[in-house]
Amino acid sequence: MTDNIRYELREGVAVVTMDDGKANAISHANIEALGEALTRAEGEAGAVLLTGREGRMSAGFDMSVMTGGIDGVRELVTEGAELLLRMYMHPQPLVAACSGHALAAGALLLLASDLRIGAKGNFKIGLNEVAIGMTLPIFGVELARARLSPRHYTRAVTQSRIFDPDTAVEAGFLDSCVEPSELMTAGFAAAKKLSDLSPGAFKNTKAHERRATAEFIRSTLADDMAAIGQPG
């Protein structure tokens, strides 16, 4: 992969680790590397386990791009949306071991994964776009609609509520949380267990479950991206 994205095949599970030593920003290079990891996993693994460095899953899109020209913003966010869609529809089980803070597009990585286990601690998880003056793209709104508890959906999406790991379980960003020392063991066990499911049945049923959301996101993506940076 790259220095920032590590790939290890372990007992039939593709363990993919994001670690840039900083915020684990979702950059062009990291999007490409994560896509390559998913492709490689399809050829040699039964499930994928995605994690970050200790204390940090991802702070979202690369701010050096997001604070630049609008064309660059649209290009990066489009690539990110395509990655999230690919994760959401990935034919194999995809488990996220959330190692710490997961904000904005970092939280969307959780929503695009099948099973999410978080490390307990003083971590922030959520969609903070509105709080920092950004409109959450349609693909983010729809992934949240599909995965979050209806009771927490508006607060999470429109009101930018940020959750700690325990309340993130209640909201639906996570399915469970464990002590940090137990995170990778729990994440690997979950991925290994899911890999025992019938591959064809899992792939087909997941596609049935998620097709409507994925098709709506794809049908709105071009207009959604064109609206970035427009007034109103």
Protein backbone atom coordinates (compact mmCIF):
# COMPACT_ATOMS: atom_id res chain seq x y z
CA MET A 1 0.00 0.00 0.00
CA THR A 2 1.65 3.26 1.17
CA ASP A 3 3.47 4.51 4.24
CA ASN A 4 0.10 5.78 5.53
CA ILE A 5 -2.00 2.71 4.69
CA ARG A 6 -0.77 -0.70 5.77
CA TYR A 7 -2.24 -4.02 4.60
CA GLU A 8 -1.77 -7.39 6.28
CA LEU A 9 -3.48 -10.68 5.46
CA ARG A 10 -4.05 -12.51 8.74
CA GLU A 11 -5.89 -15.84 8.84
CA GLY A 12 -8.07 -14.86 5.90
CA VAL A 13 -8.80 -11.35 7.19
CA ALA A 14 -7.38 -8.31 5.42
CA VAL A 15 -6.27 -5.95 8.19
CA VAL A 16 -6.02 -2.41 6.82
CA THR A 17 -4.48 0.23 9.09
CA MET A 18 -4.56 3.97 8.48
CA ASP A 19 -1.65 5.73 10.19
CA ASP A 20 -0.15 8.95 8.89
CA GLY A 21 1.12 9.88 12.36
CA LYS A 22 -1.31 12.78 12.46
CA ALA A 23 -5.05 13.12 11.79
CA ASN A 24 -5.37 10.26 9.29
CA ALA A 25 -6.72 12.75 6.77
CA ILE A 26 -8.64 11.35 3.83
CA SER A 27 -6.41 12.51 1.00
CA HIS A 28 -6.18 11.60 -2.67
CA ALA A 29 -3.33 9.19 -1.95
CA ASN A 30 -5.09 7.53 0.96
CA ILE A 31 -8.33 7.15 -0.99
CA GLU A 32 -6.40 5.42 -3.76
CA ALA A 33 -4.58 3.16 -1.31
CA LEU A 34 -7.79 2.20 0.50
CA GLY A 35 -9.38 1.34 -2.84
CA GLU A 36 -6.39 -0.84 -3.70
CA ALA A 37 -6.71 -2.57 -0.32
CA LEU A 38 -10.36 -3.41 -1.00
CA THR A 39 -9.45 -4.80 -4.42
CA ARG A 40 -6.67 -6.92 -2.97
CA ALA A 41 -8.96 -8.19 -0.20
CA GLU A 42 -11.53 -9.38 -2.72
CA GLY A 43 -8.87 -11.59 -4.28
CA GLU A 44 -7.40 -13.17 -1.17
CA ALA A 45 -9.44 -12.53 1.99
CA GLY A 46 -12.80 -13.43 3.46
CA ALA A 47 -13.36 -10.16 5.34
CA VAL A 48 -11.80 -6.75 5.89
CA LEU A 49 -10.85 -5.11 9.20
CA LEU A 50 -10.25 -1.35 8.92
CA THR A 51 -8.64 0.57 11.77
CA GLY A 52 -6.64 3.70 12.51
CA ARG A 53 -3.72 4.63 14.70
CA GLU A 54 -4.11 4.74 18.47
CA GLY A 55 -6.41 7.60 19.43
CA ARG A 56 -7.36 8.57 15.90
CA MET A 57 -9.52 6.90 13.27
CA SER A 58 -9.77 9.89 10.92
CA ALA A 59 -10.49 13.61 11.16
CA GLY A 60 -12.02 13.63 7.68
CA PHE A 61 -11.00 15.07 4.35
CA ASP A 62 -7.55 16.60 3.87
CA MET A 63 -7.90 20.20 5.04
CA SER A 64 -5.05 21.37 2.83
CA VAL A 65 -7.34 20.55 -0.09
CA MET A 66 -10.62 21.53 1.57
CA THR A 67 -9.36 25.07 2.23
CA GLY A 68 -8.10 25.49 -1.33
CA GLY A 69 -9.80 26.05 -4.66
CA ILE A 70 -13.35 24.83 -5.19
CA ASP A 71 -12.38 22.53 -8.07
CA GLY A 72 -9.94 20.72 -5.82
CA VAL A 73 -12.57 20.40 -3.10
CA ARG A 74 -15.07 18.90 -5.53
CA GLU A 75 -12.51 16.45 -6.87
CA LEU A 76 -11.49 15.20 -3.43
CA VAL A 77 -15.03 14.96 -2.07
CA THR A 78 -16.17 13.11 -5.19
CA GLU A 79 -13.34 10.60 -4.80
CA GLY A 80 -14.26 10.23 -1.14
CA ALA A 81 -17.89 9.63 -1.97
CA GLU A 82 -16.90 6.92 -4.45
CA LEU A 83 -14.74 5.23 -1.80
CA LEU A 84 -17.55 5.35 0.76
CA LEU A 85 -19.99 3.87 -1.75
CA ARG A 86 -17.51 1.13 -2.53
CA MET A 87 -17.12 0.35 1.17
CA TYR A 88 -20.88 0.44 1.71
CA MET A 89 -21.42 -2.06 -1.11
CA HIS A 90 -18.22 -4.11 -0.61
CA PRO A 91 -19.12 -7.77 -1.23
CA GLN A 92 -17.20 -8.98 1.81
CA PRO A 93 -17.84 -8.23 5.48
CA LEU A 94 -16.13 -4.97 6.40
CA VAL A 95 -15.52 -4.37 10.11
CA ALA A 96 -14.30 -1.02 11.44
CA ALA A 97 -12.23 -0.97 14.63
CA CYS A 98 -12.58 2.70 15.56
CA SER A 99 -9.37 3.52 17.39
CA GLY A 100 -10.24 7.04 18.52
CA HIS A 101 -11.61 10.30 17.11
CA ALA A 102 -13.76 9.91 13.98
CA LEU A 103 -15.13 13.19 12.68
CA ALA A 104 -16.80 14.33 9.44
CA ALA A 105 -15.70 11.95 6.67
CA GLY A 106 -13.98 9.90 9.37
CA ALA A 107 -17.40 9.22 10.88
CA LEU A 108 -18.69 8.35 7.41
CA LEU A 109 -16.10 5.57 7.24
CA LEU A 110 -17.94 4.03 10.19
CA LEU A 111 -21.34 4.46 8.55
CA ALA A 112 -20.07 2.75 5.40
CA SER A 113 -18.77 -0.28 7.33
CA ASP A 114 -20.84 -3.35 8.20
CA LEU A 115 -19.90 -3.73 11.88
CA ARG A 116 -18.30 -1.00 13.99
CA ILE A 117 -16.43 -1.56 17.27
CA GLY A 118 -14.99 1.46 19.05
CA ALA A 119 -12.31 2.02 21.64
CA LYS A 120 -13.63 3.52 24.86
CA GLY A 121 -12.15 6.85 25.89
CA ASN A 122 -12.47 10.60 25.61
CA PHE A 123 -12.99 10.48 21.86
CA LYS A 124 -15.21 12.52 19.55
CA ILE A 125 -17.34 10.76 16.93
CA GLY A 126 -19.78 12.51 14.64
CA LEU A 127 -20.64 14.72 11.70
CA ASN A 128 -19.44 18.22 12.53
CA GLU A 129 -19.91 19.74 9.07
CA VAL A 130 -22.76 22.11 9.93
CA ALA A 131 -20.92 23.29 13.04
CA ILE A 132 -17.97 24.40 10.90
CA GLY A 133 -20.14 26.05 8.25
CA MET A 134 -20.29 23.27 5.66
CA THR A 135 -23.33 21.62 4.13
CA LEU A 136 -23.22 17.87 4.65
CA PRO A 137 -23.30 16.31 1.17
CA ILE A 138 -26.24 14.14 0.18
CA PHE A 139 -24.13 10.99 0.33
CA GLY A 140 -23.35 11.75 3.98
CA VAL A 141 -26.97 12.49 4.79
CA GLU A 142 -28.10 9.24 3.19
CA LEU A 143 -25.43 7.05 4.79
CA ALA A 144 -26.47 8.54 8.13
CA ARG A 145 -30.15 7.92 7.37
CA ALA A 146 -29.38 4.29 6.59
CA ARG A 147 -27.25 3.57 9.65
CA LEU A 148 -28.14 5.91 12.52
CA SER A 149 -30.94 5.53 15.04
CA PRO A 150 -33.93 7.62 13.88
CA ARG A 151 -34.08 9.14 17.36
CA HIS A 152 -30.58 10.60 16.94
CA TYR A 153 -30.58 11.23 13.19
CA THR A 154 -31.53 14.94 13.12
CA ARG A 155 -29.31 15.80 16.06
CA ALA A 156 -26.37 14.01 14.45
CA VAL A 157 -26.83 15.29 10.90
CA THR A 158 -28.39 18.76 11.05
CA GLN A 159 -27.45 19.80 14.58
CA SER A 160 -23.87 18.46 14.47
CA ARG A 161 -24.06 16.68 17.81
CA ILE A 162 -20.76 14.99 18.63
CA PHE A 163 -20.80 11.72 20.57
CA ASP A 164 -18.37 9.87 22.80
CA PRO A 165 -17.93 6.13 22.11
CA ASP A 166 -20.68 5.05 24.53
CA THR A 167 -23.29 7.45 23.17
CA ALA A 168 -22.06 6.73 19.63
CA VAL A 169 -23.30 3.17 20.18
CA GLU A 170 -26.73 4.48 21.12
CA ALA A 171 -26.76 6.80 18.09
CA GLY A 172 -25.65 4.12 15.65
CA PHE A 173 -22.15 5.23 14.65
CA LEU A 174 -20.84 2.19 16.55
CA ASP A 175 -22.29 -1.21 17.37
CA SER A 176 -20.23 -1.70 20.54
CA CYS A 177 -17.19 -0.37 22.32
CA VAL A 178 -14.42 -2.02 24.30
CA GLU A 179 -11.31 -1.00 26.19
CA PRO A 180 -8.59 0.24 23.82
CA SER A 181 -6.34 -2.71 24.70
CA GLU A 182 -9.09 -5.07 23.51
CA LEU A 183 -10.03 -3.25 20.30
CA MET A 184 -7.99 -5.16 17.73
CA THR A 185 -8.72 -8.53 19.33
CA ALA A 186 -12.46 -7.79 19.28
CA GLY A 187 -12.36 -6.37 15.77
CA PHE A 188 -10.41 -9.30 14.38
CA ALA A 189 -12.71 -11.83 16.08
CA ALA A 190 -15.76 -10.09 14.60
CA ALA A 191 -14.27 -10.01 11.11
CA LYS A 192 -13.21 -13.65 11.37
CA LYS A 193 -16.70 -14.69 12.49
CA LEU A 194 -18.38 -12.79 9.66
CA SER A 195 -15.99 -14.35 7.15
CA ASP A 196 -17.51 -17.74 8.02
CA LEU A 197 -20.84 -16.69 6.50
CA SER A 198 -21.66 -17.95 3.01
CA PRO A 199 -19.79 -15.51 0.71
CA GLY A 200 -22.42 -15.59 -2.02
CA ALA A 201 -25.37 -15.25 0.30
CA PHE A 202 -23.69 -12.40 2.19
CA LYS A 203 -22.77 -10.53 -1.00
CA ASN A 204 -26.24 -10.87 -2.54
CA THR A 205 -28.20 -10.05 0.60
CA LYS A 206 -26.02 -7.03 1.36
CA ALA A 207 -26.61 -5.78 -2.18
CA HIS A 208 -30.38 -6.18 -1.73
CA GLU A 209 -30.24 -4.40 1.64
CA ARG A 210 -28.28 -1.40 0.39
CA ARG A 211 -29.02 -1.03 -3.31
CA ALA A 212 -31.73 1.63 -2.96
CA THR A 213 -29.54 3.91 -0.85
CA ALA A 214 -26.52 3.42 -3.08
CA GLU A 215 -28.50 4.08 -6.25
CA PHE A 216 -30.00 7.27 -4.80
CA ILE A 217 -26.57 8.52 -3.76
CA ARG A 218 -25.15 7.82 -7.20
CA SER A 219 -28.10 9.49 -8.97
CA THR A 220 -27.61 12.69 -6.94
CA LEU A 221 -23.82 12.76 -6.76
CA ALA A 222 -23.04 14.96 -9.77
CA ASP A 223 -25.55 17.67 -8.80
CA ASP A 224 -24.49 17.36 -5.17
CA MET A 225 -20.85 18.00 -6.06
CA ALA A 226 -21.76 20.84 -8.41
CA ALA A 227 -23.51 22.56 -5.52
CA ILE A 228 -20.35 22.68 -3.41
CA GLY A 229 -19.28 26.29 -3.00
CA GLN A 230 -22.48 27.72 -4.44
CA PRO A 231 -24.34 30.38 -2.42
CA GLY A 232 -27.40 29.30 -0.46
